[in-house]
Amino acid sequence: MVKATLSLPNPEVTPARMLFDGSFEGYTCDSGADACSTYSYANWVGTSPSGGNFDASIFDDAKFAHSGRSVALLGSATNADTLSGTLAPASPITTEAGFSYTLQFFYSTSFTDEEADEAGASLEIIWNGTPVDTITPGYQSQWVGYQTTVVAQGNDILQFVGSPAPAFVWIDDVSLLPLSI
């Protein structure tokens, strides 16, 4: 019988530290408000192209989240433009160069509940500047799990680029785990 064990590339790096706050729960409303949103906070940054408005944002509103209270949205939250926003961790991800990792997350496209609006929904996953995959779910009212394998360079950059409004994409519960052998 062969026994396989999980060997982390670097014992100082645990799965929880590889991608900090992938559930976006580090963002909460001030002053006890029921719901709020922001471009960025200490752990994640949403950016809009020139002329864009709130094209990648983080919401603290349990009705939209896959789990917990907070979630990320790609597509102009104010519906002010039709530009694609980018969401990324605020800092490079600490990994071990040359090792493979499983990137996992959940996505949904049900912001407006209008199938026609969400028909063009898409989500591009970028790892260190290279596209990994583009998901084109169209209207997806339920949360769907996704996973792919990436190879680390060390201090890696993860980005999610979403389709423009009104084809919104929600992202939640993002994790990066070392592959076991």
Protein backbone atom coordinates (compact mmCIF):
# COMPACT_ATOMS: atom_id res chain seq x y z
CA MET A 1 0.00 0.00 0.00
CA VAL A 2 1.34 3.42 -0.96
CA LYS A 3 0.49 6.24 1.39
CA ALA A 4 0.26 9.76 -0.03
CA THR A 5 0.74 12.73 2.24
CA LEU A 6 0.16 16.41 1.74
CA SER A 7 3.45 18.21 1.74
CA LEU A 8 3.23 21.98 1.72
CA PRO A 9 5.96 23.55 -0.41
CA ASN A 10 7.03 25.78 2.48
CA PRO A 11 5.97 24.98 6.05
CA GLU A 12 5.74 28.73 6.78
CA VAL A 13 2.98 29.08 4.18
CA THR A 14 -0.37 27.56 5.09
CA PRO A 15 -3.34 27.38 2.70
CA ALA A 16 -5.12 30.04 4.74
CA ARG A 17 -2.20 32.45 4.26
CA MET A 18 -1.77 31.84 0.52
CA LEU A 19 -4.91 33.79 -0.33
CA PHE A 20 -6.05 36.03 2.47
CA ASP A 21 -9.79 36.64 2.93
CA GLY A 22 -11.10 34.88 -0.17
CA SER A 23 -14.60 35.14 1.27
CA PHE A 24 -14.35 38.96 1.43
CA GLU A 25 -15.54 38.89 5.04
CA GLY A 26 -12.82 41.38 5.96
CA TYR A 27 -15.05 44.08 4.50
CA THR A 28 -17.97 45.14 6.68
CA CYS A 29 -20.29 48.13 6.77
CA ASP A 30 -19.55 51.04 9.06
CA SER A 31 -21.99 52.17 11.73
CA GLY A 32 -24.15 49.05 11.63
CA ALA A 33 -25.60 49.63 8.14
CA ASP A 34 -27.44 46.63 6.68
CA ALA A 35 -25.65 46.81 3.32
CA CYS A 36 -22.78 48.73 1.75
CA SER A 37 -20.15 48.46 -0.97
CA THR A 38 -16.66 49.70 -1.80
CA TYR A 39 -14.06 49.64 -4.57
CA SER A 40 -11.47 48.12 -2.29
CA TYR A 41 -10.41 47.43 1.27
CA ALA A 42 -7.29 46.10 2.98
CA ASN A 43 -7.45 42.64 1.33
CA TRP A 44 -8.91 43.13 -2.17
CA VAL A 45 -8.81 45.87 -4.81
CA GLY A 46 -11.37 46.54 -7.52
CA THR A 47 -10.35 48.73 -10.44
CA SER A 48 -12.22 50.30 -13.33
CA PRO A 49 -10.76 51.33 -16.68
CA SER A 50 -10.60 55.02 -17.51
CA GLY A 51 -14.15 56.37 -17.57
CA GLY A 52 -15.44 53.43 -15.53
CA ASN A 53 -17.50 53.65 -12.39
CA PHE A 54 -17.56 50.89 -9.77
CA ASP A 55 -16.80 48.14 -12.34
CA ALA A 56 -15.33 45.85 -9.66
CA SER A 57 -16.57 46.15 -6.11
CA ILE A 58 -17.06 44.37 -2.81
CA PHE A 59 -20.48 44.21 -1.13
CA ASP A 60 -21.37 43.53 2.48
CA ASP A 61 -24.89 42.22 1.98
CA ALA A 62 -25.73 38.63 2.90
CA LYS A 63 -28.51 38.34 0.32
CA PHE A 64 -25.90 38.33 -2.47
CA ALA A 65 -23.15 36.23 -0.84
CA HIS A 66 -22.53 32.54 -1.42
CA SER A 67 -21.61 32.24 2.25
CA GLY A 68 -21.22 34.75 5.06
CA ARG A 69 -22.11 38.39 4.38
CA SER A 70 -19.61 39.71 1.84
CA VAL A 71 -19.04 39.06 -1.86
CA ALA A 72 -17.34 40.63 -4.91
CA LEU A 73 -19.19 41.96 -7.97
CA LEU A 74 -17.81 42.51 -11.48
CA GLY A 75 -19.77 44.87 -13.72
CA SER A 76 -20.65 48.48 -12.92
CA ALA A 77 -22.58 48.24 -9.64
CA THR A 78 -24.19 51.58 -10.44
CA ASN A 79 -24.94 50.47 -14.02
CA ALA A 80 -23.22 53.70 -15.10
CA ASP A 81 -21.08 52.21 -17.87
CA THR A 82 -20.40 49.11 -19.94
CA LEU A 83 -16.73 48.61 -19.06
CA SER A 84 -15.02 45.55 -17.58
CA GLY A 85 -13.62 45.83 -14.07
CA THR A 86 -10.76 43.91 -12.49
CA LEU A 87 -10.66 42.41 -9.00
CA ALA A 88 -7.39 41.28 -7.38
CA PRO A 89 -5.94 40.57 -3.96
CA ALA A 90 -4.37 43.73 -2.52
CA SER A 91 -0.96 42.03 -2.26
CA PRO A 92 0.82 39.33 -4.26
CA ILE A 93 0.02 35.81 -3.07
CA THR A 94 2.83 34.10 -1.17
CA THR A 95 3.54 30.81 -2.97
CA GLU A 96 6.46 28.52 -3.68
CA ALA A 97 7.80 28.90 -7.23
CA GLY A 98 7.35 25.82 -9.41
CA PHE A 99 4.63 24.23 -7.27
CA SER A 100 1.08 23.65 -8.51
CA TYR A 101 -1.96 25.00 -6.69
CA THR A 102 -5.70 24.56 -7.05
CA LEU A 103 -7.61 27.81 -7.45
CA GLN A 104 -11.24 27.43 -6.39
CA PHE A 105 -14.16 29.85 -6.15
CA PHE A 106 -17.91 30.17 -6.63
CA TYR A 107 -19.64 32.43 -9.15
CA SER A 108 -23.17 33.50 -10.02
CA THR A 109 -24.63 35.98 -12.49
CA SER A 110 -27.97 36.75 -10.88
CA PHE A 111 -27.70 40.43 -9.94
CA THR A 112 -30.66 41.77 -11.90
CA ASP A 113 -32.61 38.50 -12.25
CA GLU A 114 -33.10 39.42 -15.90
CA GLU A 115 -31.91 36.56 -18.09
CA ALA A 116 -31.53 38.86 -21.12
CA ASP A 117 -29.28 41.25 -19.14
CA GLU A 118 -27.05 38.44 -17.90
CA ALA A 119 -26.85 36.54 -21.21
CA GLY A 120 -23.42 38.00 -22.03
CA ALA A 121 -21.91 37.36 -18.59
CA SER A 122 -18.30 36.22 -18.60
CA LEU A 123 -15.41 35.95 -16.17
CA GLU A 124 -11.74 35.81 -17.14
CA ILE A 125 -9.21 34.36 -14.69
CA ILE A 126 -5.69 35.79 -15.06
CA TRP A 127 -2.63 34.36 -13.27
CA ASN A 128 0.59 36.40 -13.41
CA GLY A 129 -0.65 38.30 -16.45
CA THR A 130 -1.60 35.19 -18.42
CA PRO A 131 -5.24 34.26 -19.05
CA VAL A 132 -6.03 30.88 -17.48
CA ASP A 133 -9.66 30.53 -18.53
CA THR A 134 -12.74 32.48 -19.51
CA ILE A 135 -16.05 31.30 -18.11
CA THR A 136 -19.12 32.27 -20.15
CA PRO A 137 -22.08 31.10 -18.08
CA GLY A 138 -24.72 33.48 -19.44
CA TYR A 139 -27.54 33.77 -16.93
CA GLN A 140 -26.73 31.61 -13.90
CA SER A 141 -29.11 32.09 -10.97
CA GLN A 142 -27.43 29.49 -8.74
CA TRP A 143 -23.90 29.54 -7.34
CA VAL A 144 -21.52 27.33 -9.33
CA GLY A 145 -18.18 26.03 -8.10
CA TYR A 146 -15.11 26.38 -10.30
CA GLN A 147 -11.57 25.13 -9.99
CA THR A 148 -8.40 25.11 -12.04
CA THR A 149 -4.73 24.38 -11.50
CA VAL A 150 -2.08 27.10 -11.63
CA VAL A 151 1.71 26.91 -11.34
CA ALA A 152 3.31 29.39 -8.99
CA GLN A 153 6.18 31.73 -9.76
CA GLY A 154 6.34 33.00 -6.17
CA ASN A 155 4.55 36.20 -5.12
CA ASP A 156 1.85 35.54 -7.69
CA ILE A 157 -0.77 37.94 -9.05
CA LEU A 158 -4.37 36.74 -9.42
CA GLN A 159 -6.95 38.83 -11.27
CA PHE A 160 -10.60 38.36 -12.15
CA VAL A 161 -11.92 40.41 -15.08
CA GLY A 162 -15.68 40.49 -15.48
CA SER A 163 -18.05 41.28 -18.27
CA PRO A 164 -19.50 44.79 -18.42
CA ALA A 165 -22.85 45.71 -16.90
CA PRO A 166 -25.56 44.61 -17.13
CA ALA A 167 -23.91 41.18 -17.47
CA PHE A 168 -22.77 41.10 -13.83
CA VAL A 169 -20.73 38.32 -12.20
CA TRP A 170 -20.56 37.63 -8.45
CA ILE A 171 -17.47 35.89 -6.99
CA ASP A 172 -17.17 34.41 -3.50
CA ASP A 173 -15.18 31.95 -1.40
CA VAL A 174 -11.94 32.16 -3.40
CA SER A 175 -9.21 29.78 -2.22
CA LEU A 176 -5.77 28.71 -3.36
CA LEU A 177 -4.58 25.33 -2.09
CA PRO A 178 -1.38 23.38 -2.75
CA LEU A 179 -1.91 20.20 -4.75
CA SER A 180 -1.37 17.06 -2.71
CA ILE A 181 0.86 14.31 -3.99
